N, C-alpha and C. Protein backbone atom coordinates (compact mmCIF):
# COMPACT_ATOMS: atom_id res chain seq x y z
N UNK A 1 3.40 0.06 -17.43
CA UNK A 1 4.54 -0.80 -17.19
C UNK A 1 4.06 -2.23 -17.07
N UNK A 2 4.65 -3.13 -17.75
CA UNK A 2 4.19 -4.52 -17.72
C UNK A 2 4.93 -5.31 -16.65
N UNK A 3 4.34 -6.43 -16.29
CA UNK A 3 4.91 -7.28 -15.24
C UNK A 3 6.25 -7.88 -15.66
N UNK A 4 6.52 -7.99 -16.95
CA UNK A 4 7.79 -8.56 -17.40
C UNK A 4 8.99 -7.76 -16.89
N UNK A 5 8.76 -6.51 -16.52
CA UNK A 5 9.83 -5.66 -16.04
C UNK A 5 10.11 -5.86 -14.55
N UNK A 6 9.43 -6.80 -13.94
CA UNK A 6 9.56 -7.03 -12.51
C UNK A 6 10.08 -8.43 -12.23
N UNK A 7 10.75 -8.60 -11.09
CA UNK A 7 11.23 -9.88 -10.64
C UNK A 7 10.04 -10.64 -10.04
N UNK A 8 9.60 -11.69 -10.73
CA UNK A 8 8.39 -12.41 -10.34
C UNK A 8 8.47 -12.95 -8.92
N UNK A 9 9.55 -13.63 -8.56
CA UNK A 9 9.64 -14.20 -7.21
C UNK A 9 9.61 -13.11 -6.15
N UNK A 10 10.20 -11.98 -6.44
CA UNK A 10 10.19 -10.89 -5.48
C UNK A 10 8.78 -10.35 -5.30
N UNK A 11 8.00 -10.28 -6.37
CA UNK A 11 6.61 -9.85 -6.27
C UNK A 11 5.82 -10.83 -5.40
N UNK A 12 6.03 -12.13 -5.60
CA UNK A 12 5.35 -13.13 -4.79
C UNK A 12 5.75 -12.98 -3.33
N UNK A 13 7.05 -12.82 -3.06
CA UNK A 13 7.53 -12.63 -1.68
C UNK A 13 6.89 -11.40 -1.04
N UNK A 14 6.85 -10.30 -1.78
CA UNK A 14 6.28 -9.08 -1.23
C UNK A 14 4.79 -9.23 -0.97
N UNK A 15 4.10 -9.98 -1.83
CA UNK A 15 2.67 -10.23 -1.61
C UNK A 15 2.47 -10.99 -0.30
N UNK A 16 3.22 -12.06 -0.10
CA UNK A 16 3.10 -12.86 1.12
C UNK A 16 3.56 -12.05 2.34
N UNK A 17 4.60 -11.25 2.18
CA UNK A 17 5.09 -10.42 3.28
C UNK A 17 4.02 -9.42 3.71
N UNK A 18 3.38 -8.80 2.75
CA UNK A 18 2.32 -7.83 3.04
C UNK A 18 1.19 -8.50 3.80
N UNK A 19 0.80 -9.69 3.37
CA UNK A 19 -0.25 -10.43 4.07
C UNK A 19 0.20 -10.84 5.46
N UNK A 20 1.44 -11.27 5.59
CA UNK A 20 1.95 -11.73 6.88
C UNK A 20 1.92 -10.61 7.92
N UNK A 21 2.20 -9.40 7.50
CA UNK A 21 2.17 -8.26 8.42
C UNK A 21 0.75 -7.91 8.84
N UNK A 22 -0.19 -8.11 7.93
CA UNK A 22 -1.57 -7.69 8.16
C UNK A 22 -2.40 -8.71 8.91
N UNK A 23 -2.13 -9.97 8.71
CA UNK A 23 -3.01 -11.01 9.22
C UNK A 23 -2.89 -11.22 10.72
N UNK A 24 -3.96 -11.76 11.27
CA UNK A 24 -4.00 -12.05 12.71
C UNK A 24 -2.94 -13.08 13.06
N UNK A 25 -2.28 -12.85 14.15
CA UNK A 25 -1.28 -13.79 14.63
C UNK A 25 -1.89 -14.55 15.81
N UNK A 26 -1.96 -15.83 15.67
CA UNK A 26 -2.52 -16.63 16.75
C UNK A 26 -1.66 -17.84 16.98
N UNK A 27 -2.31 -18.91 17.40
CA UNK A 27 -1.59 -20.15 17.67
C UNK A 27 -0.89 -20.67 16.42
N UNK A 28 -1.47 -20.36 15.25
CA UNK A 28 -0.90 -20.81 13.98
C UNK A 28 0.24 -19.90 13.51
N UNK A 29 0.55 -18.89 14.27
CA UNK A 29 1.60 -17.91 14.00
C UNK A 29 1.22 -16.96 12.88
N UNK A 30 0.90 -17.47 11.74
CA UNK A 30 0.45 -16.62 10.64
C UNK A 30 -0.40 -17.47 9.74
N UNK A 31 -1.37 -16.87 9.12
CA UNK A 31 -2.19 -17.63 8.21
C UNK A 31 -3.56 -17.04 8.04
N UNK A 32 -4.42 -17.82 7.46
CA UNK A 32 -5.77 -17.37 7.13
C UNK A 32 -6.77 -17.89 8.14
N UNK A 33 -6.54 -17.61 9.42
CA UNK A 33 -7.36 -18.17 10.48
C UNK A 33 -8.65 -17.39 10.74
N UNK A 34 -8.82 -16.25 10.13
CA UNK A 34 -10.00 -15.42 10.35
C UNK A 34 -10.61 -15.04 8.99
N UNK A 35 -11.94 -14.94 8.92
CA UNK A 35 -12.57 -14.56 7.63
C UNK A 35 -12.05 -13.24 7.06
N UNK A 36 -11.71 -12.29 7.91
CA UNK A 36 -11.16 -11.02 7.40
C UNK A 36 -9.78 -11.23 6.80
N UNK A 37 -9.03 -12.19 7.35
CA UNK A 37 -7.72 -12.52 6.78
C UNK A 37 -7.89 -13.08 5.37
N UNK A 38 -8.87 -13.96 5.21
CA UNK A 38 -9.13 -14.53 3.87
C UNK A 38 -9.55 -13.44 2.90
N UNK A 39 -10.41 -12.53 3.35
CA UNK A 39 -10.88 -11.44 2.49
C UNK A 39 -9.71 -10.55 2.06
N UNK A 40 -8.81 -10.26 3.00
CA UNK A 40 -7.63 -9.45 2.69
C UNK A 40 -6.75 -10.15 1.66
N UNK A 41 -6.51 -11.44 1.89
CA UNK A 41 -5.66 -12.21 0.97
C UNK A 41 -6.27 -12.26 -0.42
N UNK A 42 -7.54 -12.56 -0.50
CA UNK A 42 -8.20 -12.64 -1.82
C UNK A 42 -8.16 -11.29 -2.53
N UNK A 43 -8.41 -10.22 -1.79
CA UNK A 43 -8.39 -8.89 -2.39
C UNK A 43 -7.03 -8.52 -2.94
N UNK A 44 -5.99 -8.79 -2.16
CA UNK A 44 -4.63 -8.48 -2.61
C UNK A 44 -4.25 -9.34 -3.81
N UNK A 45 -4.57 -10.62 -3.75
CA UNK A 45 -4.25 -11.51 -4.88
C UNK A 45 -4.97 -11.08 -6.15
N UNK A 46 -6.25 -10.72 -6.02
CA UNK A 46 -7.01 -10.26 -7.20
C UNK A 46 -6.37 -9.01 -7.80
N UNK A 47 -5.99 -8.08 -6.93
CA UNK A 47 -5.37 -6.84 -7.42
C UNK A 47 -4.06 -7.13 -8.13
N UNK A 48 -3.27 -8.04 -7.60
CA UNK A 48 -1.99 -8.36 -8.23
C UNK A 48 -2.19 -9.09 -9.56
N UNK A 49 -3.17 -9.98 -9.62
CA UNK A 49 -3.46 -10.69 -10.88
C UNK A 49 -3.93 -9.68 -11.93
N UNK A 50 -4.72 -8.69 -11.53
CA UNK A 50 -5.16 -7.66 -12.47
C UNK A 50 -3.97 -6.89 -13.04
N UNK A 51 -2.86 -6.84 -12.32
CA UNK A 51 -1.64 -6.16 -12.78
C UNK A 51 -0.72 -7.09 -13.57
N UNK A 52 -1.13 -8.36 -13.73
CA UNK A 52 -0.36 -9.27 -14.56
C UNK A 52 0.45 -10.32 -13.84
N UNK A 53 0.36 -10.37 -12.51
CA UNK A 53 1.08 -11.40 -11.77
C UNK A 53 0.33 -12.72 -11.89
N UNK A 54 1.04 -13.78 -12.20
CA UNK A 54 0.46 -15.12 -12.27
C UNK A 54 1.10 -15.94 -11.16
N UNK A 55 0.25 -16.52 -10.34
CA UNK A 55 0.73 -17.30 -9.19
C UNK A 55 0.51 -18.78 -9.41
N UNK A 56 1.42 -19.60 -8.90
CA UNK A 56 1.19 -21.04 -8.84
C UNK A 56 0.99 -21.39 -7.36
N UNK A 57 0.15 -22.37 -7.12
CA UNK A 57 -0.13 -22.78 -5.74
C UNK A 57 1.14 -23.21 -5.02
N UNK A 58 1.96 -24.00 -5.70
CA UNK A 58 3.18 -24.51 -5.06
C UNK A 58 4.13 -23.39 -4.66
N UNK A 59 4.32 -22.43 -5.55
CA UNK A 59 5.24 -21.33 -5.28
C UNK A 59 4.77 -20.49 -4.09
N UNK A 60 3.51 -20.12 -4.08
CA UNK A 60 2.97 -19.30 -3.00
C UNK A 60 3.00 -20.07 -1.68
N UNK A 61 2.57 -21.33 -1.72
CA UNK A 61 2.56 -22.15 -0.51
C UNK A 61 3.97 -22.29 0.08
N UNK A 62 4.94 -22.54 -0.78
CA UNK A 62 6.32 -22.72 -0.33
C UNK A 62 6.84 -21.44 0.33
N UNK A 63 6.65 -20.31 -0.32
CA UNK A 63 7.15 -19.05 0.21
C UNK A 63 6.46 -18.72 1.53
N UNK A 64 5.13 -18.91 1.61
CA UNK A 64 4.41 -18.62 2.85
C UNK A 64 4.90 -19.52 3.99
N UNK A 65 5.04 -20.81 3.70
CA UNK A 65 5.40 -21.76 4.75
C UNK A 65 6.86 -21.64 5.18
N UNK A 66 7.77 -21.59 4.23
CA UNK A 66 9.19 -21.68 4.58
C UNK A 66 9.90 -20.33 4.75
N UNK A 67 9.39 -19.29 4.10
CA UNK A 67 10.05 -17.99 4.27
C UNK A 67 9.34 -17.11 5.29
N UNK A 68 8.03 -17.37 5.51
CA UNK A 68 7.27 -16.54 6.44
C UNK A 68 6.63 -17.34 7.58
N UNK A 69 7.01 -18.60 7.70
CA UNK A 69 6.60 -19.47 8.81
C UNK A 69 5.10 -19.62 9.00
N UNK A 70 4.37 -19.64 7.87
CA UNK A 70 2.94 -19.93 7.97
C UNK A 70 2.80 -21.42 8.25
N UNK A 71 1.71 -21.80 8.93
CA UNK A 71 1.51 -23.23 9.08
C UNK A 71 1.08 -23.79 7.73
N UNK A 72 1.34 -25.05 7.50
CA UNK A 72 1.14 -25.67 6.19
C UNK A 72 -0.29 -25.54 5.69
N UNK A 73 -1.26 -25.75 6.57
CA UNK A 73 -2.67 -25.67 6.17
C UNK A 73 -3.01 -24.30 5.57
N UNK A 74 -2.58 -23.25 6.24
CA UNK A 74 -2.89 -21.90 5.76
C UNK A 74 -2.04 -21.52 4.54
N UNK A 75 -0.81 -21.98 4.50
CA UNK A 75 0.04 -21.72 3.33
C UNK A 75 -0.55 -22.38 2.09
N UNK A 76 -1.02 -23.62 2.24
CA UNK A 76 -1.64 -24.31 1.11
C UNK A 76 -2.93 -23.64 0.68
N UNK A 77 -3.71 -23.16 1.64
CA UNK A 77 -4.96 -22.47 1.33
C UNK A 77 -4.67 -21.19 0.54
N UNK A 78 -3.66 -20.43 0.97
CA UNK A 78 -3.27 -19.22 0.25
C UNK A 78 -2.81 -19.56 -1.16
N UNK A 79 -2.00 -20.61 -1.29
CA UNK A 79 -1.54 -21.03 -2.60
C UNK A 79 -2.69 -21.41 -3.52
N UNK A 80 -3.67 -22.11 -2.98
CA UNK A 80 -4.84 -22.51 -3.78
C UNK A 80 -5.66 -21.30 -4.21
N UNK A 81 -5.86 -20.33 -3.29
CA UNK A 81 -6.55 -19.09 -3.67
C UNK A 81 -5.79 -18.39 -4.79
N UNK A 82 -4.48 -18.28 -4.63
CA UNK A 82 -3.65 -17.56 -5.60
C UNK A 82 -3.75 -18.20 -6.98
N UNK A 83 -3.64 -19.51 -7.05
CA UNK A 83 -3.70 -20.19 -8.34
C UNK A 83 -5.09 -20.09 -8.95
N UNK A 84 -6.12 -20.24 -8.14
CA UNK A 84 -7.49 -20.15 -8.64
C UNK A 84 -7.75 -18.76 -9.23
N UNK A 85 -7.35 -17.72 -8.51
CA UNK A 85 -7.54 -16.35 -9.00
C UNK A 85 -6.71 -16.13 -10.27
N UNK A 86 -5.48 -16.63 -10.29
CA UNK A 86 -4.62 -16.48 -11.47
C UNK A 86 -5.23 -17.14 -12.70
N UNK A 87 -5.95 -18.24 -12.48
CA UNK A 87 -6.57 -18.96 -13.59
C UNK A 87 -7.95 -18.43 -13.94
N UNK A 88 -8.34 -17.30 -13.36
CA UNK A 88 -9.61 -16.67 -13.69
C UNK A 88 -10.78 -17.20 -12.88
N UNK A 89 -10.49 -18.01 -11.87
CA UNK A 89 -11.56 -18.55 -11.02
C UNK A 89 -12.14 -17.48 -10.12
N UNK A 90 -13.37 -17.71 -9.72
CA UNK A 90 -14.05 -16.76 -8.84
C UNK A 90 -13.82 -17.14 -7.38
N UNK A 91 -13.63 -16.14 -6.57
CA UNK A 91 -13.58 -16.33 -5.12
C UNK A 91 -14.51 -15.31 -4.50
N UNK A 92 -15.23 -15.73 -3.51
CA UNK A 92 -16.17 -14.83 -2.84
C UNK A 92 -15.54 -14.23 -1.61
N UNK A 93 -16.00 -13.03 -1.27
CA UNK A 93 -15.57 -12.40 -0.04
C UNK A 93 -14.24 -11.68 -0.11
N UNK A 94 -13.81 -11.26 -1.29
CA UNK A 94 -12.53 -10.55 -1.41
C UNK A 94 -12.70 -9.10 -1.00
N UNK A 95 -11.78 -8.61 -0.21
CA UNK A 95 -11.73 -7.21 0.18
C UNK A 95 -10.97 -6.47 -0.92
N UNK A 96 -11.70 -6.08 -1.96
CA UNK A 96 -11.02 -5.52 -3.13
C UNK A 96 -10.45 -4.14 -2.88
N UNK A 97 -11.03 -3.36 -2.00
CA UNK A 97 -10.48 -2.04 -1.70
C UNK A 97 -9.12 -2.18 -1.03
N UNK A 98 -9.04 -3.06 -0.05
CA UNK A 98 -7.76 -3.30 0.61
C UNK A 98 -6.76 -3.87 -0.38
N UNK A 99 -7.20 -4.77 -1.21
CA UNK A 99 -6.33 -5.37 -2.21
C UNK A 99 -5.75 -4.34 -3.16
N UNK A 100 -6.59 -3.43 -3.61
CA UNK A 100 -6.11 -2.39 -4.52
C UNK A 100 -5.10 -1.48 -3.83
N UNK A 101 -5.37 -1.16 -2.57
CA UNK A 101 -4.46 -0.29 -1.81
C UNK A 101 -3.10 -0.97 -1.64
N UNK A 102 -3.09 -2.21 -1.19
CA UNK A 102 -1.84 -2.92 -0.96
C UNK A 102 -1.20 -3.36 -2.27
N UNK A 103 -2.00 -3.75 -3.23
CA UNK A 103 -1.48 -4.23 -4.51
C UNK A 103 -0.72 -3.17 -5.26
N UNK A 104 -1.22 -1.95 -5.24
CA UNK A 104 -0.53 -0.90 -5.97
C UNK A 104 0.82 -0.59 -5.35
N UNK A 105 0.91 -0.61 -4.04
CA UNK A 105 2.20 -0.33 -3.42
C UNK A 105 3.16 -1.51 -3.60
N UNK A 106 2.63 -2.73 -3.58
CA UNK A 106 3.45 -3.93 -3.80
C UNK A 106 4.05 -3.91 -5.20
N UNK A 107 3.23 -3.62 -6.17
CA UNK A 107 3.66 -3.66 -7.57
C UNK A 107 4.68 -2.57 -7.87
N UNK A 108 4.49 -1.39 -7.30
CA UNK A 108 5.40 -0.29 -7.61
C UNK A 108 6.76 -0.46 -6.95
N UNK A 109 6.84 -1.22 -5.85
CA UNK A 109 8.13 -1.40 -5.17
C UNK A 109 8.93 -2.58 -5.72
N UNK A 110 8.32 -3.46 -6.47
CA UNK A 110 8.98 -4.69 -6.93
C UNK A 110 9.71 -4.49 -8.23
N UNK A 111 10.78 -3.80 -8.20
CA UNK A 111 11.55 -3.55 -9.41
C UNK A 111 12.84 -4.30 -9.38
């Protein structure tokens, strides 16, 4: 099944929602404040890009900040990771096993 059969914005929302539930909640409320949070985010983004999702930094940052109340710094960081991975850039420290686990469930529910 190709990504064209899915609602792109809904896939992006579900990706950020999945991360928001998993990530540490601290003074920043939600975001990439811990190295394991970054690894989880990178792994999930890589898995979704492998399935054909293309992310833009602005779109991901906006959804994280305004729909999931991430602080701007962490929302922008997530957006930058997402765009870099979408453009074939390398990121170190991705938790690819977690990404594959969450990515497959994210992709199958976004119809």
